Amino acid sequence: MSGLDEQKEKNVQLMQILQENGVHVGEMRIIDFFYYTKDKGAAHSLQDDLESRFGYQARVEKQGWFRPTYSICGTARVNATVDELNAFCEKMWTCGLPHGIEFDGWGAEV
């Protein structure tokens, strides 16, 4: 099973948690998204791609000193449905691949 397939399975569970906490199906939500890489150049290239292709404001942050990892994080607006979340994850997965970076997932406040 690929990471994307695993994320789609999680989307079903996460949507259920959102609903249990008062989120209505189809409601527009702001979600946070995440990627991680050890390649600083790839991190900044993905950041540029996310901003130019989708208008997402993303930031790159260095984590660690001796073997740094770079996180690429940002926010997006998504309709709270499993289909919309799956489409969002497919888009994010596809955007990261040319940079050698797998999409790590998303989160939302409830």
N, C-alpha and C. Protein backbone atom coordinates (compact mmCIF):
# COMPACT_ATOMS: atom_id res chain seq x y z
N MET A 1 0.85 -1.18 0.00
CA MET A 1 0.00 0.00 0.00
C MET A 1 0.89 1.24 0.00
N SER A 2 0.58 2.18 -0.84
CA SER A 2 1.37 3.41 -0.94
C SER A 2 1.00 4.38 0.17
N GLY A 3 1.86 5.35 0.37
CA GLY A 3 1.58 6.39 1.35
C GLY A 3 0.30 7.15 1.02
N LEU A 4 0.02 7.33 -0.26
CA LEU A 4 -1.20 8.01 -0.66
C LEU A 4 -2.42 7.17 -0.28
N ASP A 5 -2.36 5.87 -0.52
CA ASP A 5 -3.47 5.00 -0.14
C ASP A 5 -3.70 5.03 1.37
N GLU A 6 -2.60 5.02 2.13
CA GLU A 6 -2.72 5.10 3.58
C GLU A 6 -3.36 6.42 4.00
N GLN A 7 -2.98 7.51 3.34
CA GLN A 7 -3.56 8.81 3.68
C GLN A 7 -5.05 8.82 3.37
N LYS A 8 -5.45 8.20 2.27
CA LYS A 8 -6.88 8.15 1.94
C LYS A 8 -7.66 7.36 2.98
N GLU A 9 -7.07 6.30 3.51
CA GLU A 9 -7.72 5.55 4.58
C GLU A 9 -7.86 6.42 5.83
N LYS A 10 -6.82 7.18 6.13
CA LYS A 10 -6.86 8.08 7.29
C LYS A 10 -7.92 9.16 7.10
N ASN A 11 -8.13 9.61 5.85
CA ASN A 11 -9.11 10.66 5.60
C ASN A 11 -10.50 10.25 6.06
N VAL A 12 -10.86 9.00 5.88
CA VAL A 12 -12.17 8.51 6.32
C VAL A 12 -12.27 8.65 7.84
N GLN A 13 -11.22 8.22 8.53
CA GLN A 13 -11.21 8.29 9.99
C GLN A 13 -11.19 9.75 10.47
N LEU A 14 -10.37 10.57 9.82
CA LEU A 14 -10.27 11.97 10.23
C LEU A 14 -11.57 12.72 9.98
N MET A 15 -12.26 12.40 8.89
CA MET A 15 -13.54 13.05 8.61
C MET A 15 -14.55 12.67 9.68
N GLN A 16 -14.52 11.44 10.13
CA GLN A 16 -15.42 11.00 11.19
C GLN A 16 -15.13 11.77 12.49
N ILE A 17 -13.85 11.95 12.81
CA ILE A 17 -13.47 12.71 14.00
C ILE A 17 -13.92 14.16 13.88
N LEU A 18 -13.75 14.74 12.70
CA LEU A 18 -14.20 16.12 12.49
C LEU A 18 -15.71 16.24 12.72
N GLN A 19 -16.47 15.30 12.16
CA GLN A 19 -17.92 15.32 12.33
C GLN A 19 -18.31 15.16 13.80
N GLU A 20 -17.63 14.28 14.50
CA GLU A 20 -17.92 14.07 15.93
C GLU A 20 -17.64 15.33 16.74
N ASN A 21 -16.84 16.22 16.19
CA ASN A 21 -16.49 17.46 16.88
C ASN A 21 -17.17 18.68 16.27
N GLY A 22 -18.28 18.46 15.57
CA GLY A 22 -19.12 19.56 15.12
C GLY A 22 -18.88 20.09 13.73
N VAL A 23 -17.97 19.49 12.97
CA VAL A 23 -17.74 19.93 11.59
C VAL A 23 -18.81 19.29 10.70
N HIS A 24 -19.44 20.10 9.87
CA HIS A 24 -20.49 19.61 8.96
C HIS A 24 -19.88 19.19 7.63
N VAL A 25 -20.39 18.10 7.08
CA VAL A 25 -19.93 17.62 5.78
C VAL A 25 -20.10 18.73 4.76
N GLY A 26 -19.06 18.99 3.99
CA GLY A 26 -19.09 20.02 2.96
C GLY A 26 -18.69 21.40 3.45
N GLU A 27 -18.53 21.56 4.76
CA GLU A 27 -18.13 22.85 5.33
C GLU A 27 -16.70 23.18 4.89
N MET A 28 -16.49 24.43 4.51
CA MET A 28 -15.15 24.87 4.13
C MET A 28 -14.30 24.97 5.39
N ARG A 29 -13.13 24.31 5.36
CA ARG A 29 -12.25 24.29 6.52
C ARG A 29 -10.84 24.71 6.11
N ILE A 30 -10.13 25.32 7.03
CA ILE A 30 -8.71 25.59 6.82
C ILE A 30 -7.95 24.42 7.42
N ILE A 31 -7.09 23.83 6.62
CA ILE A 31 -6.28 22.71 7.09
C ILE A 31 -4.80 23.05 6.93
N ASP A 32 -3.99 22.44 7.77
CA ASP A 32 -2.54 22.58 7.69
C ASP A 32 -1.99 21.37 6.95
N PHE A 33 -0.99 21.59 6.11
CA PHE A 33 -0.37 20.45 5.40
C PHE A 33 1.11 20.41 5.69
N PHE A 34 1.70 19.20 5.51
CA PHE A 34 3.08 18.97 5.93
C PHE A 34 3.85 18.11 4.94
N TYR A 35 5.09 18.45 4.76
CA TYR A 35 6.08 17.63 4.06
C TYR A 35 7.37 17.71 4.88
N TYR A 36 8.24 16.69 4.73
CA TYR A 36 9.55 16.70 5.38
C TYR A 36 10.59 16.16 4.41
N THR A 37 11.79 16.76 4.44
CA THR A 37 12.89 16.30 3.60
C THR A 37 14.22 16.68 4.24
N LYS A 38 15.28 16.01 3.84
CA LYS A 38 16.62 16.36 4.29
C LYS A 38 17.30 17.29 3.28
N ASP A 39 16.66 17.52 2.14
CA ASP A 39 17.23 18.30 1.04
C ASP A 39 16.69 19.73 1.08
N LYS A 40 17.54 20.65 1.51
CA LYS A 40 17.14 22.06 1.63
C LYS A 40 16.68 22.64 0.29
N GLY A 41 17.43 22.35 -0.78
CA GLY A 41 17.07 22.88 -2.10
C GLY A 41 15.72 22.36 -2.56
N ALA A 42 15.46 21.08 -2.35
CA ALA A 42 14.18 20.49 -2.73
C ALA A 42 13.05 21.11 -1.91
N ALA A 43 13.31 21.38 -0.64
CA ALA A 43 12.29 21.99 0.21
C ALA A 43 11.88 23.36 -0.34
N HIS A 44 12.85 24.17 -0.71
CA HIS A 44 12.54 25.50 -1.23
C HIS A 44 11.90 25.42 -2.62
N SER A 45 12.32 24.45 -3.41
CA SER A 45 11.72 24.27 -4.73
C SER A 45 10.25 23.87 -4.59
N LEU A 46 9.95 22.96 -3.66
CA LEU A 46 8.56 22.57 -3.42
C LEU A 46 7.75 23.75 -2.89
N GLN A 47 8.34 24.51 -2.01
CA GLN A 47 7.66 25.70 -1.49
C GLN A 47 7.25 26.63 -2.64
N ASP A 48 8.18 26.88 -3.55
CA ASP A 48 7.88 27.74 -4.71
C ASP A 48 6.77 27.13 -5.57
N ASP A 49 6.83 25.82 -5.77
CA ASP A 49 5.83 25.13 -6.58
C ASP A 49 4.44 25.23 -5.96
N LEU A 50 4.35 25.02 -4.66
CA LEU A 50 3.06 25.11 -3.96
C LEU A 50 2.47 26.51 -4.09
N GLU A 51 3.32 27.51 -4.00
CA GLU A 51 2.84 28.89 -4.10
C GLU A 51 2.45 29.25 -5.53
N SER A 52 3.26 28.85 -6.51
CA SER A 52 2.96 29.24 -7.89
C SER A 52 1.81 28.44 -8.49
N ARG A 53 1.73 27.16 -8.18
CA ARG A 53 0.68 26.31 -8.77
C ARG A 53 -0.67 26.46 -8.08
N PHE A 54 -0.66 26.60 -6.74
CA PHE A 54 -1.92 26.55 -6.00
C PHE A 54 -2.20 27.80 -5.18
N GLY A 55 -1.24 28.71 -5.11
CA GLY A 55 -1.43 29.91 -4.31
C GLY A 55 -1.32 29.67 -2.81
N TYR A 56 -0.80 28.51 -2.40
CA TYR A 56 -0.66 28.20 -0.98
C TYR A 56 0.56 28.92 -0.41
N GLN A 57 0.38 29.55 0.72
CA GLN A 57 1.50 30.16 1.43
C GLN A 57 2.17 29.07 2.24
N ALA A 58 3.34 28.67 1.84
CA ALA A 58 4.08 27.61 2.53
C ALA A 58 5.36 28.19 3.10
N ARG A 59 5.87 27.57 4.14
CA ARG A 59 7.12 28.01 4.74
C ARG A 59 8.04 26.80 4.92
N VAL A 60 9.31 27.06 4.85
CA VAL A 60 10.32 26.02 5.07
C VAL A 60 10.99 26.32 6.39
N GLU A 61 11.06 25.32 7.25
CA GLU A 61 11.70 25.49 8.55
C GLU A 61 12.73 24.39 8.76
N LYS A 62 13.89 24.77 9.23
CA LYS A 62 14.96 23.81 9.53
C LYS A 62 14.73 23.23 10.92
N GLN A 63 14.87 21.92 11.02
CA GLN A 63 14.73 21.23 12.29
C GLN A 63 15.97 20.39 12.53
N GLY A 64 16.63 20.59 13.65
CA GLY A 64 17.85 19.85 13.96
C GLY A 64 19.08 20.58 13.46
N TRP A 65 20.25 20.18 14.00
CA TRP A 65 21.49 20.85 13.64
C TRP A 65 22.48 19.95 12.93
N PHE A 66 22.73 18.78 13.47
CA PHE A 66 23.76 17.92 12.90
C PHE A 66 23.29 17.21 11.63
N ARG A 67 22.08 16.76 11.63
CA ARG A 67 21.45 16.15 10.45
C ARG A 67 20.11 16.83 10.25
N PRO A 68 20.13 18.03 9.71
CA PRO A 68 18.88 18.79 9.65
C PRO A 68 17.84 18.16 8.73
N THR A 69 16.62 18.36 9.12
CA THR A 69 15.46 18.03 8.31
C THR A 69 14.73 19.34 8.06
N TYR A 70 14.13 19.46 6.91
CA TYR A 70 13.39 20.67 6.56
C TYR A 70 11.91 20.32 6.45
N SER A 71 11.09 21.08 7.15
CA SER A 71 9.64 20.90 7.04
C SER A 71 9.11 21.96 6.09
N ILE A 72 8.16 21.56 5.29
CA ILE A 72 7.46 22.47 4.40
C ILE A 72 6.01 22.42 4.87
N CYS A 73 5.52 23.51 5.42
CA CYS A 73 4.19 23.55 6.02
C CYS A 73 3.42 24.74 5.47
N GLY A 74 2.13 24.59 5.44
CA GLY A 74 1.29 25.69 5.00
C GLY A 74 -0.16 25.40 5.29
N THR A 75 -1.04 26.25 4.79
CA THR A 75 -2.47 26.07 4.99
C THR A 75 -3.20 26.10 3.66
N ALA A 76 -4.35 25.45 3.65
CA ALA A 76 -5.21 25.41 2.46
C ALA A 76 -6.66 25.40 2.92
N ARG A 77 -7.54 25.80 2.05
CA ARG A 77 -8.98 25.74 2.32
C ARG A 77 -9.55 24.57 1.52
N VAL A 78 -10.27 23.69 2.24
CA VAL A 78 -10.80 22.47 1.62
C VAL A 78 -12.22 22.24 2.14
N ASN A 79 -13.10 21.78 1.26
CA ASN A 79 -14.42 21.35 1.70
C ASN A 79 -14.28 20.06 2.49
N ALA A 80 -14.94 19.97 3.62
CA ALA A 80 -14.82 18.82 4.51
C ALA A 80 -15.68 17.65 4.02
N THR A 81 -15.17 16.96 3.01
CA THR A 81 -15.75 15.71 2.55
C THR A 81 -14.60 14.76 2.28
N VAL A 82 -14.86 13.47 2.37
CA VAL A 82 -13.80 12.50 2.10
C VAL A 82 -13.30 12.65 0.67
N ASP A 83 -14.21 12.84 -0.29
CA ASP A 83 -13.79 12.98 -1.69
C ASP A 83 -12.89 14.20 -1.89
N GLU A 84 -13.26 15.33 -1.28
CA GLU A 84 -12.44 16.55 -1.42
C GLU A 84 -11.09 16.39 -0.74
N LEU A 85 -11.08 15.75 0.43
CA LEU A 85 -9.82 15.52 1.13
C LEU A 85 -8.93 14.57 0.35
N ASN A 86 -9.53 13.55 -0.26
CA ASN A 86 -8.75 12.63 -1.09
C ASN A 86 -8.17 13.35 -2.30
N ALA A 87 -8.96 14.19 -2.94
CA ALA A 87 -8.47 14.95 -4.10
C ALA A 87 -7.34 15.89 -3.67
N PHE A 88 -7.49 16.54 -2.52
CA PHE A 88 -6.45 17.41 -2.00
C PHE A 88 -5.16 16.62 -1.79
N CYS A 89 -5.26 15.45 -1.17
CA CYS A 89 -4.08 14.63 -0.90
C CYS A 89 -3.41 14.15 -2.19
N GLU A 90 -4.21 13.78 -3.18
CA GLU A 90 -3.65 13.39 -4.48
C GLU A 90 -2.87 14.54 -5.09
N LYS A 91 -3.45 15.73 -5.04
CA LYS A 91 -2.79 16.93 -5.59
C LYS A 91 -1.48 17.19 -4.86
N MET A 92 -1.50 17.10 -3.54
CA MET A 92 -0.31 17.38 -2.76
C MET A 92 0.75 16.30 -2.96
N TRP A 93 0.33 15.06 -3.05
CA TRP A 93 1.25 13.94 -3.29
C TRP A 93 1.94 14.15 -4.63
N THR A 94 1.14 14.44 -5.66
CA THR A 94 1.67 14.63 -7.01
C THR A 94 2.61 15.82 -7.08
N CYS A 95 2.31 16.87 -6.34
CA CYS A 95 3.17 18.07 -6.34
C CYS A 95 4.53 17.78 -5.72
N GLY A 96 4.58 16.94 -4.71
CA GLY A 96 5.84 16.66 -4.03
C GLY A 96 6.76 15.72 -4.77
N LEU A 97 6.20 14.81 -5.56
CA LEU A 97 7.01 13.76 -6.19
C LEU A 97 8.14 14.28 -7.07
N PRO A 98 7.93 15.28 -7.93
CA PRO A 98 9.04 15.76 -8.76
C PRO A 98 10.22 16.32 -7.95
N HIS A 99 9.95 16.65 -6.70
CA HIS A 99 10.99 17.20 -5.82
C HIS A 99 11.60 16.11 -4.94
N GLY A 100 11.10 14.87 -5.10
CA GLY A 100 11.58 13.76 -4.30
C GLY A 100 11.07 13.81 -2.87
N ILE A 101 9.92 14.44 -2.66
CA ILE A 101 9.38 14.62 -1.31
C ILE A 101 7.97 14.04 -1.26
N GLU A 102 7.73 13.16 -0.29
CA GLU A 102 6.40 12.59 -0.11
C GLU A 102 5.57 13.49 0.79
N PHE A 103 4.31 13.64 0.43
CA PHE A 103 3.35 14.37 1.25
C PHE A 103 3.17 13.63 2.57
N ASP A 104 3.31 14.35 3.69
CA ASP A 104 3.23 13.71 5.01
C ASP A 104 1.82 13.73 5.58
N GLY A 105 0.96 14.62 5.09
CA GLY A 105 -0.42 14.63 5.57
C GLY A 105 -0.91 16.02 5.91
N TRP A 106 -2.05 16.04 6.57
CA TRP A 106 -2.71 17.30 6.91
C TRP A 106 -3.33 17.18 8.30
N GLY A 107 -3.68 18.31 8.86
CA GLY A 107 -4.35 18.36 10.14
C GLY A 107 -5.27 19.58 10.19
N ALA A 108 -6.21 19.55 11.12
CA ALA A 108 -7.15 20.65 11.25
C ALA A 108 -7.55 20.82 12.71
N GLU A 109 -7.85 22.04 13.09
CA GLU A 109 -8.37 22.30 14.42
C GLU A 109 -9.85 21.98 14.42
N VAL A 110 -10.31 21.48 15.56
CA VAL A 110 -11.75 21.23 15.70
C VAL A 110 -12.29 22.01 16.87
